[in-house]
Amino acid sequence: MRKGYHKTKDGRTVKKGLYYNMNKAKKEGRSRPGKGTVTDKALKAAAKTAKKPKKKNK
């Protein structure tokens, strides 16, 4: 695998980003409660490129 990329739970290979680093810090116990470890501005920017959830068929 190329440097700077990781494999997601659903098998896609994607670039490491904000959500990857947030989840990694949470697993290691480095995330701060309350305000959090990232800014609101960073979360808004990352949400623009995040994969949208698929709608479920009824």
N, C-alpha and C. Protein backbone atom coordinates (compact mmCIF):
# COMPACT_ATOMS: atom_id res chain seq x y z
N MET A 1 0.84 -1.17 0.00
CA MET A 1 0.00 0.00 0.00
C MET A 1 0.89 1.25 0.00
N ARG A 2 0.44 2.24 -0.72
CA ARG A 2 1.23 3.47 -0.82
C ARG A 2 1.24 4.22 0.50
N LYS A 3 2.28 4.99 0.71
CA LYS A 3 2.42 5.77 1.93
C LYS A 3 1.34 6.86 1.94
N GLY A 4 0.71 7.04 3.11
CA GLY A 4 -0.33 8.05 3.23
C GLY A 4 -1.72 7.56 2.91
N TYR A 5 -1.89 6.26 2.66
CA TYR A 5 -3.19 5.68 2.34
C TYR A 5 -3.49 4.55 3.32
N HIS A 6 -4.76 4.22 3.46
CA HIS A 6 -5.16 3.11 4.31
C HIS A 6 -6.38 2.43 3.71
N LYS A 7 -6.66 1.22 4.20
CA LYS A 7 -7.81 0.46 3.70
C LYS A 7 -8.96 0.61 4.69
N THR A 8 -10.14 0.96 4.17
CA THR A 8 -11.31 1.16 5.02
C THR A 8 -11.97 -0.18 5.34
N LYS A 9 -12.95 -0.13 6.24
CA LYS A 9 -13.67 -1.35 6.62
C LYS A 9 -14.38 -1.98 5.44
N ASP A 10 -14.86 -1.14 4.50
CA ASP A 10 -15.58 -1.68 3.35
C ASP A 10 -14.66 -2.03 2.19
N GLY A 11 -13.35 -1.99 2.40
CA GLY A 11 -12.40 -2.47 1.41
C GLY A 11 -11.81 -1.43 0.48
N ARG A 12 -12.27 -0.18 0.58
CA ARG A 12 -11.72 0.86 -0.29
C ARG A 12 -10.35 1.30 0.21
N THR A 13 -9.49 1.74 -0.70
CA THR A 13 -8.20 2.32 -0.34
C THR A 13 -8.33 3.82 -0.49
N VAL A 14 -8.15 4.54 0.62
CA VAL A 14 -8.35 5.98 0.62
C VAL A 14 -7.18 6.67 1.33
N LYS A 15 -7.06 7.96 1.07
CA LYS A 15 -6.01 8.76 1.67
C LYS A 15 -6.32 9.02 3.14
N LYS A 16 -5.30 8.97 3.97
CA LYS A 16 -5.48 9.23 5.40
C LYS A 16 -5.84 10.70 5.58
N GLY A 17 -6.85 10.95 6.37
CA GLY A 17 -7.30 12.32 6.56
C GLY A 17 -7.72 12.58 7.99
N LEU A 18 -8.54 13.59 8.15
CA LEU A 18 -8.96 14.04 9.47
C LEU A 18 -9.69 12.94 10.25
N TYR A 19 -10.66 12.29 9.63
CA TYR A 19 -11.42 11.27 10.34
C TYR A 19 -10.53 10.09 10.71
N TYR A 20 -9.60 9.71 9.85
CA TYR A 20 -8.66 8.63 10.15
C TYR A 20 -7.86 8.97 11.40
N ASN A 21 -7.33 10.17 11.45
CA ASN A 21 -6.50 10.57 12.58
C ASN A 21 -7.32 10.75 13.86
N MET A 22 -8.56 11.23 13.74
CA MET A 22 -9.42 11.37 14.92
C MET A 22 -9.73 10.00 15.52
N ASN A 23 -10.09 9.05 14.68
CA ASN A 23 -10.43 7.71 15.17
C ASN A 23 -9.22 7.01 15.77
N LYS A 24 -8.05 7.23 15.19
CA LYS A 24 -6.82 6.64 15.71
C LYS A 24 -6.52 7.19 17.10
N ALA A 25 -6.65 8.51 17.28
CA ALA A 25 -6.40 9.14 18.57
C ALA A 25 -7.41 8.65 19.61
N LYS A 26 -8.66 8.45 19.18
CA LYS A 26 -9.69 7.98 20.10
C LYS A 26 -9.36 6.57 20.60
N LYS A 27 -8.90 5.70 19.69
CA LYS A 27 -8.53 4.34 20.06
C LYS A 27 -7.38 4.33 21.05
N GLU A 28 -6.42 5.24 20.85
CA GLU A 28 -5.23 5.30 21.70
C GLU A 28 -5.48 6.07 23.00
N GLY A 29 -6.65 6.70 23.14
CA GLY A 29 -6.98 7.43 24.34
C GLY A 29 -6.37 8.82 24.38
N ARG A 30 -6.02 9.38 23.23
CA ARG A 30 -5.41 10.70 23.17
C ARG A 30 -6.41 11.82 22.89
N SER A 31 -7.68 11.49 22.62
CA SER A 31 -8.65 12.53 22.30
C SER A 31 -9.09 13.23 23.58
N ARG A 32 -9.36 14.52 23.47
CA ARG A 32 -9.76 15.30 24.64
C ARG A 32 -11.28 15.39 24.70
N PRO A 33 -11.86 15.18 25.87
CA PRO A 33 -13.31 15.33 26.00
C PRO A 33 -13.69 16.80 25.95
N GLY A 34 -14.95 17.06 25.67
CA GLY A 34 -15.40 18.45 25.62
C GLY A 34 -15.16 19.07 24.27
N LYS A 35 -14.23 20.00 24.19
CA LYS A 35 -13.99 20.72 22.94
C LYS A 35 -13.49 19.81 21.83
N GLY A 36 -12.72 18.81 22.16
CA GLY A 36 -12.21 17.89 21.15
C GLY A 36 -10.82 18.27 20.70
N THR A 37 -10.28 17.50 19.74
CA THR A 37 -8.91 17.71 19.31
C THR A 37 -8.81 18.46 17.99
N VAL A 38 -9.92 18.65 17.30
CA VAL A 38 -9.90 19.37 16.03
C VAL A 38 -10.88 20.54 16.08
N THR A 39 -10.66 21.51 15.22
CA THR A 39 -11.52 22.70 15.21
C THR A 39 -12.79 22.44 14.40
N ASP A 40 -13.78 23.28 14.63
CA ASP A 40 -15.03 23.18 13.88
C ASP A 40 -14.79 23.45 12.40
N LYS A 41 -13.87 24.35 12.10
CA LYS A 41 -13.54 24.69 10.72
C LYS A 41 -12.96 23.46 9.99
N ALA A 42 -12.09 22.72 10.67
CA ALA A 42 -11.50 21.52 10.07
C ALA A 42 -12.55 20.45 9.82
N LEU A 43 -13.49 20.30 10.74
CA LEU A 43 -14.56 19.31 10.55
C LEU A 43 -15.46 19.66 9.38
N LYS A 44 -15.78 20.94 9.22
CA LYS A 44 -16.61 21.37 8.09
C LYS A 44 -15.92 21.09 6.76
N ALA A 45 -14.62 21.36 6.70
CA ALA A 45 -13.86 21.13 5.46
C ALA A 45 -13.78 19.65 5.14
N ALA A 46 -13.60 18.82 6.16
CA ALA A 46 -13.49 17.37 5.94
C ALA A 46 -14.84 16.76 5.55
N ALA A 47 -15.92 17.31 6.06
CA ALA A 47 -17.25 16.79 5.74
C ALA A 47 -17.58 16.94 4.27
N LYS A 48 -16.98 17.91 3.61
CA LYS A 48 -17.24 18.12 2.18
C LYS A 48 -16.74 16.96 1.33
N THR A 49 -15.67 16.29 1.78
CA THR A 49 -15.09 15.21 0.99
C THR A 49 -15.40 13.83 1.54
N ALA A 50 -16.12 13.75 2.66
CA ALA A 50 -16.45 12.46 3.26
C ALA A 50 -17.44 11.69 2.39
N LYS A 51 -17.33 10.36 2.43
CA LYS A 51 -18.25 9.52 1.66
C LYS A 51 -19.64 9.61 2.25
N LYS A 52 -20.62 9.87 1.42
CA LYS A 52 -22.00 9.99 1.86
C LYS A 52 -22.58 8.61 2.13
N PRO A 53 -23.38 8.46 3.20
CA PRO A 53 -23.98 7.15 3.47
C PRO A 53 -25.02 6.79 2.42
N LYS A 54 -25.10 5.50 2.10
CA LYS A 54 -26.08 5.05 1.11
C LYS A 54 -27.45 4.95 1.75
N LYS A 55 -28.49 5.26 0.97
CA LYS A 55 -29.85 5.15 1.46
C LYS A 55 -30.27 3.68 1.44
N LYS A 56 -30.99 3.28 2.47
CA LYS A 56 -31.46 1.89 2.55
C LYS A 56 -32.75 1.73 1.77
N ASN A 57 -32.87 0.62 1.06
CA ASN A 57 -34.11 0.31 0.34
C ASN A 57 -35.08 -0.36 1.30
N LYS A 58 -36.34 0.01 1.21
CA LYS A 58 -37.35 -0.59 2.09
C LYS A 58 -38.00 -1.76 1.44
